[in-house]
Each structure stands twice: as C-alpha cells, then as structure tokens.
ModelCIF file with pLDDT and N, C-alpha, C, O atoms, coordinates in Angstrom:
data_MODEL
#
_entry.id   MODEL 
#
_entity.id                         1 
_entity.type                       polymer 
_entity.pdbx_number_of_molecules   1 
#
_entity_poly.entity_id                      1 
_entity_poly.type                           'polypeptide(L)' 
_entity_poly.nstd_linkage                   no 
_entity_poly.nstd_monomer                   no 
_entity_poly.pdbx_seq_one_letter_code       
;(UNK)(UNK)(UNK)(UNK)(UNK)(UNK)(UNK)(UNK)(UNK)(UNK)(UNK)(UNK)(UNK)(UNK)(UNK)(UNK)
(UNK)(UNK)(UNK)(UNK)(UNK)(UNK)(UNK)(UNK)(UNK)(UNK)(UNK)(UNK)(UNK)(UNK)(UNK)(UNK)
(UNK)(UNK)(UNK)(UNK)(UNK)(UNK)(UNK)(UNK)(UNK)(UNK)(UNK)(UNK)(UNK)(UNK)(UNK)(UNK)
;
_entity_poly.pdbx_seq_one_letter_code_can   XXXXXXXXXXXXXXXXXXXXXXXXXXXXXXXXXXXXXXXXXXXXXXXX 
_entity_poly.pdbx_strand_id                 A 
#
loop_
_entity_poly_seq.entity_id 
_entity_poly_seq.num 
_entity_poly_seq.mon_id 
_entity_poly_seq.hetero 
1 1  UNK n 
1 2  UNK n 
1 3  UNK n 
1 4  UNK n 
1 5  UNK n 
1 6  UNK n 
1 7  UNK n 
1 8  UNK n 
1 9  UNK n 
1 10 UNK n 
1 11 UNK n 
1 12 UNK n 
1 13 UNK n 
1 14 UNK n 
1 15 UNK n 
1 16 UNK n 
1 17 UNK n 
1 18 UNK n 
1 19 UNK n 
1 20 UNK n 
1 21 UNK n 
1 22 UNK n 
1 23 UNK n 
1 24 UNK n 
1 25 UNK n 
1 26 UNK n 
1 27 UNK n 
1 28 UNK n 
1 29 UNK n 
1 30 UNK n 
1 31 UNK n 
1 32 UNK n 
1 33 UNK n 
1 34 UNK n 
1 35 UNK n 
1 36 UNK n 
1 37 UNK n 
1 38 UNK n 
1 39 UNK n 
1 40 UNK n 
1 41 UNK n 
1 42 UNK n 
1 43 UNK n 
1 44 UNK n 
1 45 UNK n 
1 46 UNK n 
1 47 UNK n 
1 48 UNK n 
#
_struct_asym.id          A 
_struct_asym.entity_id   1 
#
loop_
_ma_qa_metric.id 
_ma_qa_metric.mode 
_ma_qa_metric.name 
_ma_qa_metric.software_group_id 
_ma_qa_metric.type 
1 global pLDDT . pLDDT 
2 local  pLDDT . pLDDT 
#
_ma_qa_metric_global.metric_id      1 
_ma_qa_metric_global.metric_value   97.60 
_ma_qa_metric_global.model_id       1 
_ma_qa_metric_global.ordinal_id     1 
#
loop_
_ma_qa_metric_local.label_asym_id 
_ma_qa_metric_local.label_comp_id 
_ma_qa_metric_local.label_seq_id 
_ma_qa_metric_local.metric_id 
_ma_qa_metric_local.metric_value 
_ma_qa_metric_local.model_id 
_ma_qa_metric_local.ordinal_id 
A UNK 1  2 98.00 1 1  
A UNK 2  2 98.00 1 2  
A UNK 3  2 98.00 1 3  
A UNK 4  2 98.00 1 4  
A UNK 5  2 98.00 1 5  
A UNK 6  2 98.00 1 6  
A UNK 7  2 98.00 1 7  
A UNK 8  2 97.00 1 8  
A UNK 9  2 97.00 1 9  
A UNK 10 2 97.00 1 10 
A UNK 11 2 98.00 1 11 
A UNK 12 2 98.00 1 12 
A UNK 13 2 98.00 1 13 
A UNK 14 2 98.00 1 14 
A UNK 15 2 98.00 1 15 
A UNK 16 2 98.00 1 16 
A UNK 17 2 98.00 1 17 
A UNK 18 2 98.00 1 18 
A UNK 19 2 98.00 1 19 
A UNK 20 2 98.00 1 20 
A UNK 21 2 98.00 1 21 
A UNK 22 2 98.00 1 22 
A UNK 23 2 98.00 1 23 
A UNK 24 2 98.00 1 24 
A UNK 25 2 97.00 1 25 
A UNK 26 2 96.00 1 26 
A UNK 27 2 96.00 1 27 
A UNK 28 2 97.00 1 28 
A UNK 29 2 97.00 1 29 
A UNK 30 2 96.00 1 30 
A UNK 31 2 97.00 1 31 
A UNK 32 2 98.00 1 32 
A UNK 33 2 97.00 1 33 
A UNK 34 2 98.00 1 34 
A UNK 35 2 98.00 1 35 
A UNK 36 2 98.00 1 36 
A UNK 37 2 97.00 1 37 
A UNK 38 2 98.00 1 38 
A UNK 39 2 98.00 1 39 
A UNK 40 2 97.00 1 40 
A UNK 41 2 97.00 1 41 
A UNK 42 2 98.00 1 42 
A UNK 43 2 98.00 1 43 
A UNK 44 2 98.00 1 44 
A UNK 45 2 97.00 1 45 
A UNK 46 2 98.00 1 46 
A UNK 47 2 98.00 1 47 
A UNK 48 2 97.00 1 48 
#
loop_
_atom_site.group_PDB 
_atom_site.id 
_atom_site.type_symbol 
_atom_site.label_atom_id 
_atom_site.label_alt_id 
_atom_site.label_comp_id 
_atom_site.label_asym_id 
_atom_site.label_entity_id 
_atom_site.label_seq_id 
_atom_site.pdbx_PDB_ins_code 
_atom_site.Cartn_x 
_atom_site.Cartn_y 
_atom_site.Cartn_z 
_atom_site.occupancy 
_atom_site.B_iso_or_equiv 
_atom_site.pdbx_formal_charge 
_atom_site.auth_seq_id 
_atom_site.auth_comp_id 
_atom_site.auth_asym_id 
_atom_site.auth_atom_id 
_atom_site.pdbx_PDB_model_num 
ATOM 1   N N  . UNK A 1 1  ? 76.262 121.161 110.120 1.00 98.00 ? 1  UNK A N  1 
ATOM 2   C CA . UNK A 1 1  ? 76.038 119.599 110.354 1.00 98.00 ? 1  UNK A CA 1 
ATOM 3   C C  . UNK A 1 1  ? 77.045 118.900 110.175 1.00 98.00 ? 1  UNK A C  1 
ATOM 4   O O  . UNK A 1 1  ? 77.428 117.867 110.725 1.00 98.00 ? 1  UNK A O  1 
ATOM 5   N N  . UNK A 1 2  ? 77.702 119.876 108.906 1.00 98.00 ? 2  UNK A N  1 
ATOM 6   C CA . UNK A 1 2  ? 79.404 119.382 109.238 1.00 98.00 ? 2  UNK A CA 1 
ATOM 7   C C  . UNK A 1 2  ? 80.376 119.391 110.182 1.00 98.00 ? 2  UNK A C  1 
ATOM 8   O O  . UNK A 1 2  ? 81.394 118.705 110.273 1.00 98.00 ? 2  UNK A O  1 
ATOM 9   N N  . UNK A 1 3  ? 79.837 120.458 111.042 1.00 98.00 ? 3  UNK A N  1 
ATOM 10  C CA . UNK A 1 3  ? 80.941 120.646 112.082 1.00 98.00 ? 3  UNK A CA 1 
ATOM 11  C C  . UNK A 1 3  ? 80.481 119.727 113.166 1.00 98.00 ? 3  UNK A C  1 
ATOM 12  O O  . UNK A 1 3  ? 81.260 119.055 113.842 1.00 98.00 ? 3  UNK A O  1 
ATOM 13  N N  . UNK A 1 4  ? 79.460 119.726 113.274 1.00 98.00 ? 4  UNK A N  1 
ATOM 14  C CA . UNK A 1 4  ? 78.653 118.480 114.177 1.00 98.00 ? 4  UNK A CA 1 
ATOM 15  C C  . UNK A 1 4  ? 78.915 117.120 113.422 1.00 98.00 ? 4  UNK A C  1 
ATOM 16  O O  . UNK A 1 4  ? 78.331 116.200 113.994 1.00 98.00 ? 4  UNK A O  1 
ATOM 17  N N  . UNK A 1 5  ? 79.594 116.734 112.349 1.00 98.00 ? 5  UNK A N  1 
ATOM 18  C CA . UNK A 1 5  ? 80.218 115.734 111.911 1.00 98.00 ? 5  UNK A CA 1 
ATOM 19  C C  . UNK A 1 5  ? 81.906 115.353 111.755 1.00 98.00 ? 5  UNK A C  1 
ATOM 20  O O  . UNK A 1 5  ? 82.467 114.363 111.285 1.00 98.00 ? 5  UNK A O  1 
ATOM 21  N N  . UNK A 1 6  ? 82.384 116.499 112.319 1.00 98.00 ? 6  UNK A N  1 
ATOM 22  C CA . UNK A 1 6  ? 83.858 116.306 112.814 1.00 98.00 ? 6  UNK A CA 1 
ATOM 23  C C  . UNK A 1 6  ? 84.471 115.585 113.511 1.00 98.00 ? 6  UNK A C  1 
ATOM 24  O O  . UNK A 1 6  ? 85.565 115.207 113.092 1.00 98.00 ? 6  UNK A O  1 
ATOM 25  N N  . UNK A 1 7  ? 83.977 115.101 114.898 1.00 98.00 ? 7  UNK A N  1 
ATOM 26  C CA . UNK A 1 7  ? 84.482 114.034 116.100 1.00 98.00 ? 7  UNK A CA 1 
ATOM 27  C C  . UNK A 1 7  ? 84.164 112.823 115.343 1.00 98.00 ? 7  UNK A C  1 
ATOM 28  O O  . UNK A 1 7  ? 84.916 111.883 115.599 1.00 98.00 ? 7  UNK A O  1 
ATOM 29  N N  . UNK A 1 8  ? 83.187 112.579 114.418 1.00 97.00 ? 8  UNK A N  1 
ATOM 30  C CA . UNK A 1 8  ? 83.020 110.691 113.685 1.00 97.00 ? 8  UNK A CA 1 
ATOM 31  C C  . UNK A 1 8  ? 83.864 110.001 113.183 1.00 97.00 ? 8  UNK A C  1 
ATOM 32  O O  . UNK A 1 8  ? 83.483 109.781 112.033 1.00 97.00 ? 8  UNK A O  1 
ATOM 33  N N  . UNK A 1 9  ? 84.581 109.634 113.322 1.00 97.00 ? 9  UNK A N  1 
ATOM 34  C CA . UNK A 1 9  ? 85.649 109.114 112.652 1.00 97.00 ? 9  UNK A CA 1 
ATOM 35  C C  . UNK A 1 9  ? 85.586 108.380 111.527 1.00 97.00 ? 9  UNK A C  1 
ATOM 36  O O  . UNK A 1 9  ? 86.573 108.307 110.795 1.00 97.00 ? 9  UNK A O  1 
ATOM 37  N N  . UNK A 1 10 ? 84.063 107.537 111.145 1.00 97.00 ? 10 UNK A N  1 
ATOM 38  C CA . UNK A 1 10 ? 83.993 107.036 109.578 1.00 97.00 ? 10 UNK A CA 1 
ATOM 39  C C  . UNK A 1 10 ? 84.825 107.503 108.534 1.00 97.00 ? 10 UNK A C  1 
ATOM 40  O O  . UNK A 1 10 ? 85.051 108.712 108.573 1.00 97.00 ? 10 UNK A O  1 
ATOM 41  N N  . UNK A 1 11 ? 85.165 107.080 107.926 1.00 98.00 ? 11 UNK A N  1 
ATOM 42  C CA . UNK A 1 11 ? 86.089 107.881 106.729 1.00 98.00 ? 11 UNK A CA 1 
ATOM 43  C C  . UNK A 1 11 ? 84.970 108.094 105.624 1.00 98.00 ? 11 UNK A C  1 
ATOM 44  O O  . UNK A 1 11 ? 85.323 109.153 105.106 1.00 98.00 ? 11 UNK A O  1 
ATOM 45  N N  . UNK A 1 12 ? 84.110 107.784 105.139 1.00 98.00 ? 12 UNK A N  1 
ATOM 46  C CA . UNK A 1 12 ? 83.042 108.155 104.190 1.00 98.00 ? 12 UNK A CA 1 
ATOM 47  C C  . UNK A 1 12 ? 82.256 109.420 104.834 1.00 98.00 ? 12 UNK A C  1 
ATOM 48  O O  . UNK A 1 12 ? 81.465 110.204 104.310 1.00 98.00 ? 12 UNK A O  1 
ATOM 49  N N  . UNK A 1 13 ? 82.672 109.352 105.936 1.00 98.00 ? 13 UNK A N  1 
ATOM 50  C CA . UNK A 1 13 ? 81.764 110.655 107.095 1.00 98.00 ? 13 UNK A CA 1 
ATOM 51  C C  . UNK A 1 13 ? 82.881 111.851 106.308 1.00 98.00 ? 13 UNK A C  1 
ATOM 52  O O  . UNK A 1 13 ? 82.630 112.666 105.420 1.00 98.00 ? 13 UNK A O  1 
ATOM 53  N N  . UNK A 1 14 ? 84.442 111.508 107.186 1.00 98.00 ? 14 UNK A N  1 
ATOM 54  C CA . UNK A 1 14 ? 84.997 112.501 106.791 1.00 98.00 ? 14 UNK A CA 1 
ATOM 55  C C  . UNK A 1 14 ? 85.544 113.063 105.620 1.00 98.00 ? 14 UNK A C  1 
ATOM 56  O O  . UNK A 1 14 ? 86.216 114.091 105.541 1.00 98.00 ? 14 UNK A O  1 
ATOM 57  N N  . UNK A 1 15 ? 85.105 112.095 104.472 1.00 98.00 ? 15 UNK A N  1 
ATOM 58  C CA . UNK A 1 15 ? 85.392 112.167 102.908 1.00 98.00 ? 15 UNK A CA 1 
ATOM 59  C C  . UNK A 1 15 ? 84.072 113.236 102.682 1.00 98.00 ? 15 UNK A C  1 
ATOM 60  O O  . UNK A 1 15 ? 84.129 114.103 101.810 1.00 98.00 ? 15 UNK A O  1 
ATOM 61  N N  . UNK A 1 16 ? 83.472 113.154 103.128 1.00 98.00 ? 16 UNK A N  1 
ATOM 62  C CA . UNK A 1 16 ? 82.096 113.791 102.809 1.00 98.00 ? 16 UNK A CA 1 
ATOM 63  C C  . UNK A 1 16 ? 82.195 114.916 103.550 1.00 98.00 ? 16 UNK A C  1 
ATOM 64  O O  . UNK A 1 16 ? 81.564 115.786 102.948 1.00 98.00 ? 16 UNK A O  1 
ATOM 65  N N  . UNK A 1 17 ? 82.653 115.344 104.529 1.00 98.00 ? 17 UNK A N  1 
ATOM 66  C CA . UNK A 1 17 ? 83.198 117.144 104.593 1.00 98.00 ? 17 UNK A CA 1 
ATOM 67  C C  . UNK A 1 17 ? 83.942 117.451 104.418 1.00 98.00 ? 17 UNK A C  1 
ATOM 68  O O  . UNK A 1 17 ? 83.988 118.657 104.663 1.00 98.00 ? 17 UNK A O  1 
ATOM 69  N N  . UNK A 1 18 ? 85.329 116.831 103.835 1.00 98.00 ? 18 UNK A N  1 
ATOM 70  C CA . UNK A 1 18 ? 85.806 117.204 102.844 1.00 98.00 ? 18 UNK A CA 1 
ATOM 71  C C  . UNK A 1 18 ? 85.241 117.391 101.246 1.00 98.00 ? 18 UNK A C  1 
ATOM 72  O O  . UNK A 1 18 ? 85.925 118.147 100.556 1.00 98.00 ? 18 UNK A O  1 
ATOM 73  N N  . UNK A 1 19 ? 84.759 117.138 100.984 1.00 98.00 ? 19 UNK A N  1 
ATOM 74  C CA . UNK A 1 19 ? 84.032 116.965 99.789  1.00 98.00 ? 19 UNK A CA 1 
ATOM 75  C C  . UNK A 1 19 ? 83.167 118.428 99.799  1.00 98.00 ? 19 UNK A C  1 
ATOM 76  O O  . UNK A 1 19 ? 83.284 119.357 99.000  1.00 98.00 ? 19 UNK A O  1 
ATOM 77  N N  . UNK A 1 20 ? 82.317 118.329 100.897 1.00 98.00 ? 20 UNK A N  1 
ATOM 78  C CA . UNK A 1 20 ? 81.679 119.981 100.573 1.00 98.00 ? 20 UNK A CA 1 
ATOM 79  C C  . UNK A 1 20 ? 82.482 121.277 101.350 1.00 98.00 ? 20 UNK A C  1 
ATOM 80  O O  . UNK A 1 20 ? 81.935 122.379 101.408 1.00 98.00 ? 20 UNK A O  1 
ATOM 81  N N  . UNK A 1 21 ? 83.505 121.095 101.796 1.00 98.00 ? 21 UNK A N  1 
ATOM 82  C CA . UNK A 1 21 ? 84.194 122.073 101.556 1.00 98.00 ? 21 UNK A CA 1 
ATOM 83  C C  . UNK A 1 21 ? 85.198 122.299 100.673 1.00 98.00 ? 21 UNK A C  1 
ATOM 84  O O  . UNK A 1 21 ? 85.776 123.385 100.674 1.00 98.00 ? 21 UNK A O  1 
ATOM 85  N N  . UNK A 1 22 ? 85.545 121.272 99.780  1.00 98.00 ? 22 UNK A N  1 
ATOM 86  C CA . UNK A 1 22 ? 86.578 121.178 98.917  1.00 98.00 ? 22 UNK A CA 1 
ATOM 87  C C  . UNK A 1 22 ? 85.705 122.145 97.648  1.00 98.00 ? 22 UNK A C  1 
ATOM 88  O O  . UNK A 1 22 ? 86.354 123.068 97.155  1.00 98.00 ? 22 UNK A O  1 
ATOM 89  N N  . UNK A 1 23 ? 84.244 121.918 97.139  1.00 98.00 ? 23 UNK A N  1 
ATOM 90  C CA . UNK A 1 23 ? 83.692 122.595 96.708  1.00 98.00 ? 23 UNK A CA 1 
ATOM 91  C C  . UNK A 1 23 ? 83.223 124.056 97.369  1.00 98.00 ? 23 UNK A C  1 
ATOM 92  O O  . UNK A 1 23 ? 83.021 125.074 96.708  1.00 98.00 ? 23 UNK A O  1 
ATOM 93  N N  . UNK A 1 24 ? 83.126 123.967 98.441  1.00 98.00 ? 24 UNK A N  1 
ATOM 94  C CA . UNK A 1 24 ? 82.944 125.366 99.022  1.00 98.00 ? 24 UNK A CA 1 
ATOM 95  C C  . UNK A 1 24 ? 84.057 126.615 98.129  1.00 98.00 ? 24 UNK A C  1 
ATOM 96  O O  . UNK A 1 24 ? 83.968 127.649 97.466  1.00 98.00 ? 24 UNK A O  1 
ATOM 97  N N  . UNK A 1 25 ? 85.239 125.510 98.757  1.00 97.00 ? 25 UNK A N  1 
ATOM 98  C CA . UNK A 1 25 ? 86.225 126.656 98.779  1.00 97.00 ? 25 UNK A CA 1 
ATOM 99  C C  . UNK A 1 25 ? 86.241 127.208 96.995  1.00 97.00 ? 25 UNK A C  1 
ATOM 100 O O  . UNK A 1 25 ? 86.638 128.339 96.715  1.00 97.00 ? 25 UNK A O  1 
ATOM 101 N N  . UNK A 1 26 ? 85.934 126.591 96.314  1.00 96.00 ? 26 UNK A N  1 
ATOM 102 C CA . UNK A 1 26 ? 85.723 127.119 94.448  1.00 96.00 ? 26 UNK A CA 1 
ATOM 103 C C  . UNK A 1 26 ? 85.303 128.781 94.857  1.00 96.00 ? 26 UNK A C  1 
ATOM 104 O O  . UNK A 1 26 ? 86.032 129.745 94.624  1.00 96.00 ? 26 UNK A O  1 
ATOM 105 N N  . UNK A 1 27 ? 83.970 128.841 95.510  1.00 96.00 ? 27 UNK A N  1 
ATOM 106 C CA . UNK A 1 27 ? 83.533 129.611 95.487  1.00 96.00 ? 27 UNK A CA 1 
ATOM 107 C C  . UNK A 1 27 ? 83.259 130.829 96.490  1.00 96.00 ? 27 UNK A C  1 
ATOM 108 O O  . UNK A 1 27 ? 82.519 131.779 96.235  1.00 96.00 ? 27 UNK A O  1 
ATOM 109 N N  . UNK A 1 28 ? 84.309 130.555 98.212  1.00 97.00 ? 28 UNK A N  1 
ATOM 110 C CA . UNK A 1 28 ? 83.882 131.390 99.255  1.00 97.00 ? 28 UNK A CA 1 
ATOM 111 C C  . UNK A 1 28 ? 84.937 130.598 100.273 1.00 97.00 ? 28 UNK A C  1 
ATOM 112 O O  . UNK A 1 28 ? 84.729 129.998 101.328 1.00 97.00 ? 28 UNK A O  1 
ATOM 113 N N  . UNK A 1 29 ? 86.101 130.835 99.550  1.00 97.00 ? 29 UNK A N  1 
ATOM 114 C CA . UNK A 1 29 ? 87.351 130.479 99.942  1.00 97.00 ? 29 UNK A CA 1 
ATOM 115 C C  . UNK A 1 29 ? 87.590 130.893 101.486 1.00 97.00 ? 29 UNK A C  1 
ATOM 116 O O  . UNK A 1 29 ? 88.317 130.194 102.193 1.00 97.00 ? 29 UNK A O  1 
ATOM 117 N N  . UNK A 1 30 ? 86.815 132.311 102.100 1.00 96.00 ? 30 UNK A N  1 
ATOM 118 C CA . UNK A 1 30 ? 87.310 132.513 103.153 1.00 96.00 ? 30 UNK A CA 1 
ATOM 119 C C  . UNK A 1 30 ? 86.590 131.680 104.177 1.00 96.00 ? 30 UNK A C  1 
ATOM 120 O O  . UNK A 1 30 ? 86.925 131.098 105.209 1.00 96.00 ? 30 UNK A O  1 
ATOM 121 N N  . UNK A 1 31 ? 85.402 131.853 103.459 1.00 97.00 ? 31 UNK A N  1 
ATOM 122 C CA . UNK A 1 31 ? 84.192 130.467 104.957 1.00 97.00 ? 31 UNK A CA 1 
ATOM 123 C C  . UNK A 1 31 ? 85.189 129.268 104.594 1.00 97.00 ? 31 UNK A C  1 
ATOM 124 O O  . UNK A 1 31 ? 85.397 128.399 105.440 1.00 97.00 ? 31 UNK A O  1 
ATOM 125 N N  . UNK A 1 32 ? 85.589 129.236 103.782 1.00 98.00 ? 32 UNK A N  1 
ATOM 126 C CA . UNK A 1 32 ? 86.160 127.314 103.987 1.00 98.00 ? 32 UNK A CA 1 
ATOM 127 C C  . UNK A 1 32 ? 87.218 127.543 104.809 1.00 98.00 ? 32 UNK A C  1 
ATOM 128 O O  . UNK A 1 32 ? 87.623 126.585 105.467 1.00 98.00 ? 32 UNK A O  1 
ATOM 129 N N  . UNK A 1 33 ? 87.614 128.316 104.891 1.00 97.00 ? 33 UNK A N  1 
ATOM 130 C CA . UNK A 1 33 ? 89.202 128.190 106.057 1.00 97.00 ? 33 UNK A CA 1 
ATOM 131 C C  . UNK A 1 33 ? 88.774 128.810 107.076 1.00 97.00 ? 33 UNK A C  1 
ATOM 132 O O  . UNK A 1 33 ? 89.588 128.555 107.964 1.00 97.00 ? 33 UNK A O  1 
ATOM 133 N N  . UNK A 1 34 ? 87.742 129.676 107.602 1.00 98.00 ? 34 UNK A N  1 
ATOM 134 C CA . UNK A 1 34 ? 87.320 129.797 108.898 1.00 98.00 ? 34 UNK A CA 1 
ATOM 135 C C  . UNK A 1 34 ? 86.370 128.115 109.514 1.00 98.00 ? 34 UNK A C  1 
ATOM 136 O O  . UNK A 1 34 ? 86.379 127.581 110.623 1.00 98.00 ? 34 UNK A O  1 
ATOM 137 N N  . UNK A 1 35 ? 85.889 127.848 108.640 1.00 98.00 ? 35 UNK A N  1 
ATOM 138 C CA . UNK A 1 35 ? 85.510 126.757 109.296 1.00 98.00 ? 35 UNK A CA 1 
ATOM 139 C C  . UNK A 1 35 ? 87.099 125.625 109.453 1.00 98.00 ? 35 UNK A C  1 
ATOM 140 O O  . UNK A 1 35 ? 87.213 125.272 110.626 1.00 98.00 ? 35 UNK A O  1 
ATOM 141 N N  . UNK A 1 36 ? 87.858 125.243 108.848 1.00 98.00 ? 36 UNK A N  1 
ATOM 142 C CA . UNK A 1 36 ? 88.853 124.808 108.817 1.00 98.00 ? 36 UNK A CA 1 
ATOM 143 C C  . UNK A 1 36 ? 89.700 125.134 109.862 1.00 98.00 ? 36 UNK A C  1 
ATOM 144 O O  . UNK A 1 36 ? 90.424 124.288 110.386 1.00 98.00 ? 36 UNK A O  1 
ATOM 145 N N  . UNK A 1 37 ? 89.647 126.920 110.391 1.00 97.00 ? 37 UNK A N  1 
ATOM 146 C CA . UNK A 1 37 ? 90.101 127.737 111.597 1.00 97.00 ? 37 UNK A CA 1 
ATOM 147 C C  . UNK A 1 37 ? 89.596 126.762 112.714 1.00 97.00 ? 37 UNK A C  1 
ATOM 148 O O  . UNK A 1 37 ? 90.338 126.265 113.562 1.00 97.00 ? 37 UNK A O  1 
ATOM 149 N N  . UNK A 1 38 ? 88.423 126.576 112.629 1.00 98.00 ? 38 UNK A N  1 
ATOM 150 C CA . UNK A 1 38 ? 87.825 126.436 114.053 1.00 98.00 ? 38 UNK A CA 1 
ATOM 151 C C  . UNK A 1 38 ? 87.707 125.040 114.108 1.00 98.00 ? 38 UNK A C  1 
ATOM 152 O O  . UNK A 1 38 ? 87.402 124.692 115.249 1.00 98.00 ? 38 UNK A O  1 
ATOM 153 N N  . UNK A 1 39 ? 87.876 123.733 113.020 1.00 98.00 ? 39 UNK A N  1 
ATOM 154 C CA . UNK A 1 39 ? 87.691 122.658 113.005 1.00 98.00 ? 39 UNK A CA 1 
ATOM 155 C C  . UNK A 1 39 ? 88.624 121.566 112.565 1.00 98.00 ? 39 UNK A C  1 
ATOM 156 O O  . UNK A 1 39 ? 88.567 120.354 112.768 1.00 98.00 ? 39 UNK A O  1 
ATOM 157 N N  . UNK A 1 40 ? 89.526 122.324 111.889 1.00 97.00 ? 40 UNK A N  1 
ATOM 158 C CA . UNK A 1 40 ? 90.566 121.687 111.100 1.00 97.00 ? 40 UNK A CA 1 
ATOM 159 C C  . UNK A 1 40 ? 91.562 120.168 111.939 1.00 97.00 ? 40 UNK A C  1 
ATOM 160 O O  . UNK A 1 40 ? 91.776 118.956 111.933 1.00 97.00 ? 40 UNK A O  1 
ATOM 161 N N  . UNK A 1 41 ? 91.809 121.275 112.458 1.00 97.00 ? 41 UNK A N  1 
ATOM 162 C CA . UNK A 1 41 ? 92.448 120.214 113.625 1.00 97.00 ? 41 UNK A CA 1 
ATOM 163 C C  . UNK A 1 41 ? 92.046 118.624 113.936 1.00 97.00 ? 41 UNK A C  1 
ATOM 164 O O  . UNK A 1 41 ? 92.720 117.594 113.902 1.00 97.00 ? 41 UNK A O  1 
ATOM 165 N N  . UNK A 1 42 ? 90.305 118.948 114.333 1.00 98.00 ? 42 UNK A N  1 
ATOM 166 C CA . UNK A 1 42 ? 90.130 117.546 114.695 1.00 98.00 ? 42 UNK A CA 1 
ATOM 167 C C  . UNK A 1 42 ? 89.424 116.405 113.578 1.00 98.00 ? 42 UNK A C  1 
ATOM 168 O O  . UNK A 1 42 ? 88.737 115.392 113.717 1.00 98.00 ? 42 UNK A O  1 
ATOM 169 N N  . UNK A 1 43 ? 90.087 117.284 112.210 1.00 98.00 ? 43 UNK A N  1 
ATOM 170 C CA . UNK A 1 43 ? 89.126 116.511 110.999 1.00 98.00 ? 43 UNK A CA 1 
ATOM 171 C C  . UNK A 1 43 ? 90.626 115.188 111.077 1.00 98.00 ? 43 UNK A C  1 
ATOM 172 O O  . UNK A 1 43 ? 91.748 115.343 111.560 1.00 98.00 ? 43 UNK A O  1 
ATOM 173 N N  . UNK A 1 44 ? 90.195 114.323 110.593 1.00 98.00 ? 44 UNK A N  1 
ATOM 174 C CA . UNK A 1 44 ? 91.120 113.234 109.903 1.00 98.00 ? 44 UNK A CA 1 
ATOM 175 C C  . UNK A 1 44 ? 92.172 113.967 108.578 1.00 98.00 ? 44 UNK A C  1 
ATOM 176 O O  . UNK A 1 44 ? 91.520 114.470 107.662 1.00 98.00 ? 44 UNK A O  1 
ATOM 177 N N  . UNK A 1 45 ? 93.710 114.043 108.450 1.00 97.00 ? 45 UNK A N  1 
ATOM 178 C CA . UNK A 1 45 ? 94.435 114.828 107.915 1.00 97.00 ? 45 UNK A CA 1 
ATOM 179 C C  . UNK A 1 45 ? 93.619 114.764 106.489 1.00 97.00 ? 45 UNK A C  1 
ATOM 180 O O  . UNK A 1 45 ? 93.223 115.643 105.724 1.00 97.00 ? 45 UNK A O  1 
ATOM 181 N N  . UNK A 1 46 ? 93.546 113.321 106.475 1.00 98.00 ? 46 UNK A N  1 
ATOM 182 C CA . UNK A 1 46 ? 92.999 113.038 104.679 1.00 98.00 ? 46 UNK A CA 1 
ATOM 183 C C  . UNK A 1 46 ? 91.802 114.333 104.352 1.00 98.00 ? 46 UNK A C  1 
ATOM 184 O O  . UNK A 1 46 ? 91.817 115.363 103.679 1.00 98.00 ? 46 UNK A O  1 
ATOM 185 N N  . UNK A 1 47 ? 91.136 113.873 104.933 1.00 98.00 ? 47 UNK A N  1 
ATOM 186 C CA . UNK A 1 47 ? 89.665 115.062 104.645 1.00 98.00 ? 47 UNK A CA 1 
ATOM 187 C C  . UNK A 1 47 ? 89.667 116.829 104.798 1.00 98.00 ? 47 UNK A C  1 
ATOM 188 O O  . UNK A 1 47 ? 88.921 117.675 104.305 1.00 98.00 ? 47 UNK A O  1 
ATOM 189 N N  . UNK A 1 48 ? 90.942 116.949 105.774 1.00 97.00 ? 48 UNK A N  1 
ATOM 190 C CA . UNK A 1 48 ? 91.519 117.868 105.777 1.00 97.00 ? 48 UNK A CA 1 
ATOM 191 C C  . UNK A 1 48 ? 92.327 118.769 104.811 1.00 97.00 ? 48 UNK A C  1 
ATOM 192 O O  . UNK A 1 48 ? 92.868 119.793 105.229 1.00 97.00 ? 48 UNK A O  1 
#
C-alpha cells in the first residue's frame, strides 16, 4: 500500500509513508533500505 502511495504528492500521505518506514527501520533496517532503494527517488525529500 505504501509503495502505491508514493506517487501521491499530498504532504500528509508522504508523511505517513515516512512515518511507517521510520518505525520499520528500528525493527527491519534491511527491508526499509530495500523499500527506499525501490521507491525513495520518487518520494518527497522530507519523507525520504
């Protein structure tokens, strides 16, 4: 779902993606990195 939201430019949606991944990174850094490798370039910079 988060990956499908990446093209959405709404600030609150981008913030939610960043929030979910930030929390995930504390428990599965590798999966977070994989998501960012695949989609980070399309995320807004603050969310990334």
